[in-house]
Protein backbone atom coordinates (compact mmCIF):
# COMPACT_ATOMS: atom_id res chain seq x y z
CA MET A 1 7.59 -19.90 52.49
CA ILE A 2 6.80 -16.71 54.48
CA GLY A 3 4.12 -17.47 57.49
CA LYS A 4 1.37 -14.83 58.75
CA PRO A 5 3.08 -12.06 60.55
CA ARG A 6 3.05 -12.72 64.56
CA PHE A 7 2.20 -9.18 65.40
CA GLY A 8 -0.36 -6.70 64.06
CA ALA A 9 -1.46 -3.10 64.89
CA ARG A 10 -4.90 -1.62 65.31
CA LYS A 11 -5.93 1.95 65.26
CA GLU A 12 -8.20 2.48 68.32
CA LEU A 13 -11.44 4.91 68.44
CA ASP A 14 -9.16 7.34 70.52
CA GLU A 15 -6.86 7.64 67.46
CA THR A 16 -4.02 5.48 69.50
CA TRP A 17 -2.52 2.41 68.33
CA THR A 18 -2.31 -1.03 69.89
CA ILE A 19 0.19 -3.80 68.92
CA PHE A 20 -1.06 -7.29 69.58
CA ASP A 21 0.05 -10.97 69.19
CA ARG A 22 -1.89 -12.49 66.60
CA ARG A 23 -1.23 -15.97 68.05
CA THR A 24 -2.65 -15.25 71.39
CA GLY A 25 -4.94 -12.05 70.73
CA LYS A 26 -3.10 -10.47 73.81
CA ILE A 27 -1.44 -6.79 73.55
CA ALA A 28 2.20 -7.21 72.78
CA GLU A 29 4.63 -6.58 75.57
CA ARG A 30 8.73 -6.51 75.20
CA SER A 31 10.98 -5.43 77.95
CA GLY A 32 8.22 -4.36 80.21
CA LEU A 33 6.64 -1.89 77.68
CA ILE A 34 3.13 -2.90 76.88
CA MET A 35 2.34 -1.93 73.58
CA VAL A 36 -1.04 0.14 73.89
CA ARG A 37 -2.00 3.60 73.52
CA LEU A 38 0.78 4.46 71.23
CA ASN A 39 0.52 8.04 69.40
CA LYS A 40 2.12 6.08 66.28
CA PHE A 41 3.48 2.77 65.56
CA LEU A 42 6.46 3.78 63.91
CA GLY A 43 7.36 0.16 62.25
CA LEU A 44 7.06 -1.27 65.82
CA VAL A 45 5.53 -4.34 64.18
CA GLN A 46 8.32 -4.99 62.01
CA ILE A 47 10.91 -4.57 64.95
CA LEU A 48 8.90 -7.15 66.98
CA GLU A 49 8.71 -9.68 64.32
CA GLN A 50 12.89 -9.58 64.12
CA ILE A 51 13.25 -9.99 68.04
């Protein structure tokens, strides 16, 4: 059984994207990169799921 994905993406009012952790509700951060105000999320959610 596959569970609910941990990460999600939302489009902000300024047309940028934010990747967030569904478990905590906080903005995702990996290797010091904060996943906010992205021009495109380009599959980052899928990449983060695999880390």
